């Protein structure tokens, strides 16, 4: 896989009222692999401000880490069948979030990597939502657009 990639991220969550929320974004990113881990780095625009947030996603077979630095700051750890707690720092104050990853899958093909994470999200020790993150990382120059096929 090349360094210049397209990253498509789709987030889906079902809250306690069974309401569904779906967010999808496609952005240019940098990809590299080191010591059996995959890394994707990209900048995210923050709504209502000129400040960007730098995102670093590190993943391997059964774990994924997301680090955000900038307008918001957080280090989220998703490990299959493990629960983690972290502070999500925003300009408006910190939020304690819990992440209980149920399932993490990864498919690595020649010019595309697909990652899916199913997890439960808590805020201040209270259930907020069942969530799913789906990512597709594809080579920018391969002529394929990172569009979700599943």
N, C-alpha and C. Protein backbone atom coordinates (compact mmCIF):
# COMPACT_ATOMS: atom_id res chain seq x y z
N UNK A 1 0.86 -1.17 0.00
CA UNK A 1 0.00 0.00 0.00
C UNK A 1 0.90 1.24 0.00
N UNK A 2 0.48 2.26 -0.71
CA UNK A 2 1.25 3.49 -0.81
C UNK A 2 1.05 4.37 0.41
N UNK A 3 1.86 5.41 0.51
CA UNK A 3 1.77 6.34 1.63
C UNK A 3 0.53 7.23 1.51
N UNK A 4 0.21 7.69 0.30
CA UNK A 4 -0.95 8.56 0.09
C UNK A 4 -2.20 7.72 -0.11
N UNK A 5 -3.16 7.89 0.79
CA UNK A 5 -4.37 7.06 0.77
C UNK A 5 -5.62 7.93 0.93
N UNK A 6 -6.75 7.32 0.65
CA UNK A 6 -8.05 7.88 0.99
C UNK A 6 -8.57 7.08 2.17
N UNK A 7 -9.10 7.79 3.14
CA UNK A 7 -9.67 7.16 4.33
C UNK A 7 -11.16 7.46 4.36
N UNK A 8 -11.96 6.40 4.37
CA UNK A 8 -13.41 6.54 4.51
C UNK A 8 -13.77 5.98 5.88
N UNK A 9 -14.42 6.81 6.67
CA UNK A 9 -14.84 6.39 8.01
C UNK A 9 -16.35 6.56 8.12
N UNK A 10 -16.99 5.51 8.60
CA UNK A 10 -18.43 5.56 8.84
C UNK A 10 -18.66 5.19 10.29
N UNK A 11 -19.37 6.04 11.01
CA UNK A 11 -19.70 5.78 12.39
C UNK A 11 -21.20 5.62 12.53
N UNK A 12 -21.61 4.59 13.22
CA UNK A 12 -23.04 4.31 13.42
C UNK A 12 -23.24 4.06 14.90
N UNK A 13 -24.26 4.70 15.48
CA UNK A 13 -24.54 4.42 16.89
C UNK A 13 -26.04 4.33 17.13
N UNK A 14 -26.37 3.43 18.05
CA UNK A 14 -27.74 3.23 18.48
C UNK A 14 -27.80 3.60 19.95
N UNK A 15 -28.58 4.63 20.30
CA UNK A 15 -28.63 5.05 21.70
C UNK A 15 -29.67 4.26 22.48
N UNK A 16 -29.82 4.61 23.73
CA UNK A 16 -30.72 3.88 24.64
C UNK A 16 -32.17 3.90 24.16
N UNK A 17 -32.54 4.87 23.36
CA UNK A 17 -33.91 4.97 22.84
C UNK A 17 -34.05 4.28 21.49
N UNK A 18 -33.01 3.57 21.07
CA UNK A 18 -32.96 2.85 19.79
C UNK A 18 -32.97 3.79 18.60
N UNK A 19 -32.63 5.07 18.82
CA UNK A 19 -32.47 6.00 17.72
C UNK A 19 -31.12 5.74 17.07
N UNK A 20 -31.07 5.91 15.75
CA UNK A 20 -29.86 5.62 15.00
C UNK A 20 -29.23 6.91 14.50
N UNK A 21 -27.90 7.00 14.62
CA UNK A 21 -27.15 8.15 14.13
C UNK A 21 -26.02 7.63 13.26
N UNK A 22 -25.87 8.21 12.06
CA UNK A 22 -24.89 7.73 11.11
C UNK A 22 -24.08 8.91 10.57
N UNK A 23 -22.74 8.83 10.65
CA UNK A 23 -21.86 9.87 10.15
C UNK A 23 -20.83 9.21 9.24
N UNK A 24 -20.57 9.85 8.09
CA UNK A 24 -19.57 9.30 7.17
C UNK A 24 -18.71 10.43 6.64
N UNK A 25 -17.41 10.16 6.53
CA UNK A 25 -16.49 11.14 5.97
C UNK A 25 -15.43 10.43 5.14
N UNK A 26 -14.96 11.12 4.10
CA UNK A 26 -13.87 10.63 3.27
C UNK A 26 -12.83 11.73 3.21
N UNK A 27 -11.56 11.38 3.48
CA UNK A 27 -10.51 12.38 3.53
C UNK A 27 -9.18 11.81 3.04
N UNK A 28 -8.30 12.68 2.61
CA UNK A 28 -6.94 12.28 2.27
C UNK A 28 -6.18 12.01 3.56
N UNK A 29 -5.31 11.02 3.51
CA UNK A 29 -4.55 10.63 4.71
C UNK A 29 -3.20 10.07 4.30
N UNK A 30 -2.36 9.86 5.30
CA UNK A 30 -1.08 9.19 5.12
C UNK A 30 -1.15 7.84 5.82
N UNK A 31 -0.55 6.84 5.18
CA UNK A 31 -0.56 5.48 5.73
C UNK A 31 0.87 4.96 5.81
N UNK A 32 1.16 4.24 6.88
CA UNK A 32 2.39 3.47 6.93
C UNK A 32 2.21 2.30 7.89
N UNK A 33 3.13 1.34 7.77
CA UNK A 33 3.10 0.15 8.61
C UNK A 33 4.46 0.03 9.29
N UNK A 34 4.42 -0.26 10.62
CA UNK A 34 5.65 -0.39 11.39
C UNK A 34 5.41 -1.40 12.52
N UNK A 35 6.31 -2.36 12.67
CA UNK A 35 6.25 -3.35 13.74
C UNK A 35 4.87 -4.02 13.85
N UNK A 36 4.36 -4.53 12.75
CA UNK A 36 3.07 -5.23 12.69
C UNK A 36 1.86 -4.36 13.01
N UNK A 37 2.03 -3.04 13.09
CA UNK A 37 0.91 -2.13 13.30
C UNK A 37 0.75 -1.24 12.07
N UNK A 38 -0.50 -0.88 11.80
CA UNK A 38 -0.83 0.02 10.69
C UNK A 38 -1.12 1.39 11.29
N UNK A 39 -0.72 2.45 10.58
CA UNK A 39 -0.95 3.81 11.03
C UNK A 39 -1.61 4.62 9.92
N UNK A 40 -2.62 5.41 10.28
CA UNK A 40 -3.25 6.34 9.36
C UNK A 40 -3.28 7.69 10.07
N UNK A 41 -2.80 8.73 9.38
CA UNK A 41 -2.71 10.07 9.96
C UNK A 41 -3.46 11.04 9.05
N UNK A 42 -4.33 11.86 9.65
CA UNK A 42 -5.08 12.85 8.87
C UNK A 42 -5.50 14.00 9.76
N UNK A 43 -5.79 15.14 9.12
CA UNK A 43 -6.28 16.31 9.82
C UNK A 43 -7.79 16.40 9.67
N UNK A 44 -8.44 16.85 10.73
CA UNK A 44 -9.89 16.97 10.76
C UNK A 44 -10.24 18.43 11.08
N UNK A 45 -11.08 19.03 10.25
CA UNK A 45 -11.53 20.40 10.51
C UNK A 45 -12.54 20.37 11.66
N UNK A 46 -12.44 21.34 12.53
CA UNK A 46 -13.37 21.44 13.66
C UNK A 46 -14.41 22.50 13.34
N UNK A 47 -15.66 22.14 13.45
CA UNK A 47 -16.76 23.04 13.12
C UNK A 47 -16.76 24.24 14.06
N UNK A 48 -16.91 25.43 13.49
CA UNK A 48 -17.00 26.64 14.30
C UNK A 48 -15.66 27.23 14.70
N UNK A 49 -14.55 26.68 14.21
CA UNK A 49 -13.23 27.20 14.54
C UNK A 49 -12.28 26.96 13.37
N UNK A 50 -11.20 27.70 13.34
CA UNK A 50 -10.19 27.52 12.30
C UNK A 50 -9.17 26.45 12.69
N UNK A 51 -9.24 25.97 13.91
CA UNK A 51 -8.26 25.00 14.41
C UNK A 51 -8.59 23.59 13.92
N UNK A 52 -7.57 22.91 13.42
CA UNK A 52 -7.72 21.52 13.00
C UNK A 52 -7.33 20.59 14.14
N UNK A 53 -7.81 19.36 14.03
CA UNK A 53 -7.42 18.31 14.97
C UNK A 53 -6.64 17.27 14.20
N UNK A 54 -5.44 16.94 14.69
CA UNK A 54 -4.62 15.90 14.06
C UNK A 54 -5.07 14.56 14.62
N UNK A 55 -5.37 13.61 13.74
CA UNK A 55 -5.82 12.28 14.13
C UNK A 55 -4.78 11.25 13.75
N UNK A 56 -4.47 10.38 14.68
CA UNK A 56 -3.57 9.26 14.43
C UNK A 56 -4.32 7.99 14.81
N UNK A 57 -4.50 7.10 13.83
CA UNK A 57 -5.15 5.82 14.08
C UNK A 57 -4.08 4.74 13.97
N UNK A 58 -3.96 3.96 15.00
CA UNK A 58 -3.02 2.83 15.02
C UNK A 58 -3.86 1.57 15.21
N UNK A 59 -3.67 0.58 14.33
CA UNK A 59 -4.45 -0.64 14.49
C UNK A 59 -3.67 -1.86 14.07
N UNK A 60 -4.09 -2.98 14.64
CA UNK A 60 -3.59 -4.30 14.25
C UNK A 60 -4.74 -5.28 14.43
N UNK A 61 -4.46 -6.55 14.46
CA UNK A 61 -5.49 -7.58 14.36
C UNK A 61 -6.68 -7.39 15.31
N UNK A 62 -6.48 -7.20 16.59
CA UNK A 62 -7.59 -7.13 17.55
C UNK A 62 -7.59 -5.86 18.40
N UNK A 63 -6.94 -4.80 17.91
CA UNK A 63 -6.94 -3.55 18.66
C UNK A 63 -6.84 -2.35 17.73
N UNK A 64 -7.34 -1.22 18.23
CA UNK A 64 -7.29 0.03 17.49
C UNK A 64 -7.13 1.15 18.52
N UNK A 65 -6.27 2.11 18.22
CA UNK A 65 -6.10 3.29 19.07
C UNK A 65 -6.33 4.52 18.22
N UNK A 66 -7.05 5.48 18.77
CA UNK A 66 -7.30 6.75 18.11
C UNK A 66 -6.80 7.87 19.02
N UNK A 67 -5.88 8.66 18.50
CA UNK A 67 -5.36 9.81 19.23
C UNK A 67 -5.75 11.06 18.47
N UNK A 68 -6.37 12.01 19.17
CA UNK A 68 -6.74 13.30 18.60
C UNK A 68 -5.99 14.37 19.37
N UNK A 69 -5.38 15.33 18.61
CA UNK A 69 -4.66 16.45 19.22
C UNK A 69 -5.04 17.73 18.50
N UNK A 70 -5.45 18.73 19.27
CA UNK A 70 -5.83 20.00 18.67
C UNK A 70 -7.01 20.60 19.39
N UNK A 71 -8.09 20.88 18.65
CA UNK A 71 -9.30 21.46 19.22
C UNK A 71 -9.86 20.56 20.32
N UNK A 72 -9.83 19.24 20.10
CA UNK A 72 -10.16 18.26 21.13
C UNK A 72 -8.94 17.35 21.29
N UNK A 73 -8.80 16.77 22.49
CA UNK A 73 -7.67 15.90 22.78
C UNK A 73 -8.17 14.64 23.47
N UNK A 74 -7.77 13.48 22.92
CA UNK A 74 -8.18 12.21 23.51
C UNK A 74 -7.27 11.10 23.00
N UNK A 75 -7.12 10.07 23.79
CA UNK A 75 -6.44 8.84 23.37
C UNK A 75 -7.40 7.69 23.70
N UNK A 76 -8.09 7.20 22.67
CA UNK A 76 -9.09 6.14 22.85
C UNK A 76 -8.46 4.81 22.48
N UNK A 77 -8.69 3.80 23.32
CA UNK A 77 -8.15 2.46 23.08
C UNK A 77 -9.31 1.48 22.94
N UNK A 78 -9.32 0.77 21.82
CA UNK A 78 -10.32 -0.26 21.55
C UNK A 78 -9.58 -1.59 21.49
N UNK A 79 -9.77 -2.44 22.50
CA UNK A 79 -9.19 -3.78 22.51
C UNK A 79 -10.33 -4.77 22.66
N UNK A 80 -10.35 -5.76 21.79
CA UNK A 80 -11.45 -6.71 21.78
C UNK A 80 -11.62 -7.35 23.16
N UNK A 81 -12.86 -7.33 23.65
CA UNK A 81 -13.26 -7.91 24.94
C UNK A 81 -12.59 -7.25 26.14
N UNK A 82 -12.23 -5.96 26.01
CA UNK A 82 -11.66 -5.20 27.11
C UNK A 82 -12.35 -3.85 27.18
N UNK A 83 -12.41 -3.31 28.39
CA UNK A 83 -13.00 -2.00 28.60
C UNK A 83 -11.90 -1.02 28.97
N UNK A 84 -11.96 0.18 28.40
CA UNK A 84 -10.98 1.22 28.74
C UNK A 84 -11.71 2.53 29.06
N UNK A 85 -11.08 3.33 29.90
CA UNK A 85 -11.60 4.65 30.27
C UNK A 85 -10.61 5.70 29.83
N UNK A 86 -11.12 6.86 29.41
CA UNK A 86 -10.26 7.95 29.00
C UNK A 86 -10.99 9.27 29.16
N UNK A 87 -10.22 10.34 29.27
CA UNK A 87 -10.79 11.68 29.31
C UNK A 87 -10.79 12.27 27.91
N UNK A 88 -11.93 12.77 27.49
CA UNK A 88 -12.10 13.43 26.21
C UNK A 88 -12.08 14.92 26.52
N UNK A 89 -10.97 15.58 26.20
CA UNK A 89 -10.78 16.99 26.55
C UNK A 89 -11.29 17.88 25.43
N UNK A 90 -12.26 18.73 25.75
CA UNK A 90 -12.81 19.70 24.80
C UNK A 90 -12.59 21.10 25.36
N UNK A 91 -12.76 22.13 24.53
CA UNK A 91 -12.64 23.51 25.05
C UNK A 91 -13.70 23.82 26.11
N UNK A 92 -14.74 23.02 26.19
CA UNK A 92 -15.84 23.26 27.12
C UNK A 92 -15.71 22.44 28.40
N UNK A 93 -14.69 21.60 28.49
CA UNK A 93 -14.46 20.77 29.66
C UNK A 93 -14.18 19.33 29.28
N UNK A 94 -13.77 18.54 30.25
CA UNK A 94 -13.44 17.13 30.03
C UNK A 94 -14.67 16.25 30.22
N UNK A 95 -14.70 15.17 29.45
CA UNK A 95 -15.76 14.18 29.55
C UNK A 95 -15.09 12.82 29.78
N UNK A 96 -15.51 12.09 30.79
CA UNK A 96 -15.00 10.75 31.03
C UNK A 96 -15.80 9.78 30.15
N UNK A 97 -15.09 9.06 29.28
CA UNK A 97 -15.78 8.10 28.43
C UNK A 97 -15.21 6.69 28.64
N UNK A 98 -16.11 5.72 28.54
CA UNK A 98 -15.74 4.32 28.62
C UNK A 98 -15.99 3.66 27.28
N UNK A 99 -15.07 2.80 26.88
CA UNK A 99 -15.16 2.09 25.62
C UNK A 99 -15.03 0.61 25.91
N UNK A 100 -16.06 -0.16 25.55
CA UNK A 100 -16.06 -1.61 25.75
C UNK A 100 -16.16 -2.25 24.37
N UNK A 101 -15.00 -2.60 23.79
CA UNK A 101 -14.95 -3.15 22.43
C UNK A 101 -15.41 -4.61 22.44
N UNK A 102 -16.40 -4.89 21.63
CA UNK A 102 -16.96 -6.25 21.54
C UNK A 102 -16.28 -7.07 20.45
N UNK A 103 -16.05 -6.42 19.28
CA UNK A 103 -15.49 -7.15 18.14
C UNK A 103 -14.69 -6.19 17.27
N UNK A 104 -13.51 -6.64 16.85
CA UNK A 104 -12.67 -5.88 15.93
C UNK A 104 -12.25 -6.81 14.81
N UNK A 105 -12.53 -6.42 13.57
CA UNK A 105 -12.13 -7.24 12.43
C UNK A 105 -11.31 -6.39 11.47
N UNK A 106 -10.39 -7.05 10.77
CA UNK A 106 -9.55 -6.37 9.79
C UNK A 106 -9.37 -7.27 8.58
N UNK A 107 -9.59 -6.70 7.39
CA UNK A 107 -9.33 -7.39 6.12
C UNK A 107 -8.28 -6.57 5.39
N UNK A 108 -7.17 -7.22 5.04
CA UNK A 108 -6.08 -6.54 4.36
C UNK A 108 -5.94 -7.13 2.97
N UNK A 109 -6.31 -6.34 1.96
CA UNK A 109 -6.18 -6.75 0.57
C UNK A 109 -5.07 -5.93 -0.06
N UNK A 110 -4.78 -6.16 -1.33
CA UNK A 110 -3.65 -5.48 -1.98
C UNK A 110 -3.68 -3.97 -1.85
N UNK A 111 -4.76 -3.34 -2.25
CA UNK A 111 -4.81 -1.89 -2.27
C UNK A 111 -5.89 -1.33 -1.35
N UNK A 112 -6.41 -2.16 -0.43
CA UNK A 112 -7.44 -1.69 0.49
C UNK A 112 -7.39 -2.46 1.80
N UNK A 113 -7.61 -1.73 2.89
CA UNK A 113 -7.72 -2.33 4.22
C UNK A 113 -9.08 -1.93 4.78
N UNK A 114 -9.81 -2.89 5.30
CA UNK A 114 -11.10 -2.62 5.94
C UNK A 114 -10.99 -2.98 7.43
N UNK A 115 -11.49 -2.08 8.28
CA UNK A 115 -11.48 -2.31 9.72
C UNK A 115 -12.88 -2.00 10.24
N UNK A 116 -13.41 -2.90 11.07
CA UNK A 116 -14.71 -2.69 11.72
C UNK A 116 -14.54 -2.88 13.22
N UNK A 117 -15.13 -1.96 13.99
CA UNK A 117 -15.08 -2.04 15.45
C UNK A 117 -16.49 -1.89 15.99
N UNK A 118 -16.96 -2.88 16.73
CA UNK A 118 -18.24 -2.81 17.43
C UNK A 118 -17.94 -2.61 18.91
N UNK A 119 -18.57 -1.57 19.50
CA UNK A 119 -18.27 -1.26 20.89
C UNK A 119 -19.46 -0.58 21.57
N UNK A 120 -19.41 -0.58 22.89
CA UNK A 120 -20.37 0.14 23.70
C UNK A 120 -19.69 1.39 24.23
N UNK A 121 -20.40 2.51 24.17
CA UNK A 121 -19.87 3.79 24.62
C UNK A 121 -20.60 4.23 25.88
N UNK A 122 -19.82 4.61 26.89
CA UNK A 122 -20.37 5.13 28.15
C UNK A 122 -19.85 6.55 28.35
N UNK A 123 -20.65 7.38 29.00
CA UNK A 123 -20.22 8.72 29.42
C UNK A 123 -20.47 8.82 30.92
N UNK A 124 -19.41 9.13 31.67
CA UNK A 124 -19.49 9.21 33.13
C UNK A 124 -20.11 7.94 33.73
N UNK A 125 -19.66 6.80 33.28
CA UNK A 125 -20.06 5.48 33.76
C UNK A 125 -21.51 5.11 33.43
N UNK A 126 -22.15 5.84 32.53
CA UNK A 126 -23.52 5.51 32.14
C UNK A 126 -23.56 5.18 30.66
N UNK A 127 -24.33 4.14 30.32
CA UNK A 127 -24.47 3.71 28.94
C UNK A 127 -24.97 4.86 28.08
N UNK A 128 -24.32 5.07 26.94
CA UNK A 128 -24.77 6.08 25.99
C UNK A 128 -25.27 5.44 24.70
N UNK A 129 -24.46 4.49 24.13
CA UNK A 129 -24.86 3.93 22.84
C UNK A 129 -24.05 2.70 22.50
N UNK A 130 -24.65 1.83 21.68
CA UNK A 130 -23.92 0.77 21.00
C UNK A 130 -23.45 1.36 19.68
N UNK A 131 -22.18 1.18 19.36
CA UNK A 131 -21.60 1.89 18.22
C UNK A 131 -20.83 0.93 17.31
N UNK A 132 -20.64 1.41 16.07
CA UNK A 132 -19.79 0.69 15.11
C UNK A 132 -19.00 1.73 14.32
N UNK A 133 -17.71 1.49 14.20
CA UNK A 133 -16.86 2.27 13.33
C UNK A 133 -16.44 1.35 12.19
N UNK A 134 -16.61 1.82 10.96
CA UNK A 134 -16.13 1.11 9.78
C UNK A 134 -15.16 2.02 9.05
N UNK A 135 -13.99 1.48 8.72
CA UNK A 135 -12.99 2.25 7.99
C UNK A 135 -12.56 1.49 6.75
N UNK A 136 -12.35 2.23 5.67
CA UNK A 136 -11.74 1.70 4.47
C UNK A 136 -10.57 2.60 4.11
N UNK A 137 -9.41 2.00 3.98
CA UNK A 137 -8.20 2.73 3.60
C UNK A 137 -7.81 2.20 2.23
N UNK A 138 -7.75 3.10 1.23
CA UNK A 138 -7.41 2.65 -0.13
C UNK A 138 -6.36 3.57 -0.73
N UNK A 139 -5.57 3.03 -1.64
CA UNK A 139 -4.55 3.82 -2.32
C UNK A 139 -5.22 4.92 -3.12
N UNK A 140 -4.67 6.12 -3.02
CA UNK A 140 -5.24 7.26 -3.73
C UNK A 140 -5.11 7.13 -5.23
N UNK A 141 -3.99 6.61 -5.69
CA UNK A 141 -3.75 6.53 -7.13
C UNK A 141 -4.20 5.24 -7.77
N UNK A 142 -4.93 4.40 -7.03
CA UNK A 142 -5.37 3.11 -7.57
C UNK A 142 -6.62 3.25 -8.43
N UNK A 143 -7.17 4.46 -8.54
CA UNK A 143 -8.35 4.67 -9.35
C UNK A 143 -9.64 4.24 -8.67
N UNK A 144 -9.54 3.75 -7.45
CA UNK A 144 -10.76 3.37 -6.74
C UNK A 144 -11.04 4.40 -5.66
N UNK A 145 -12.27 4.74 -5.49
CA UNK A 145 -12.66 5.64 -4.42
C UNK A 145 -13.06 4.80 -3.24
N UNK A 146 -12.67 5.22 -2.05
CA UNK A 146 -13.01 4.48 -0.83
C UNK A 146 -14.49 4.67 -0.55
N UNK A 147 -15.28 3.78 -1.06
CA UNK A 147 -16.72 3.81 -0.86
C UNK A 147 -17.10 2.51 -0.18
N UNK A 148 -17.93 2.61 0.82
CA UNK A 148 -18.29 1.42 1.58
C UNK A 148 -19.09 0.46 0.73
N UNK A 149 -18.63 -0.79 0.75
CA UNK A 149 -19.30 -1.84 -0.02
C UNK A 149 -20.14 -2.73 0.88
N UNK A 150 -19.99 -2.56 2.19
CA UNK A 150 -20.78 -3.38 3.11
C UNK A 150 -21.47 -2.54 4.13
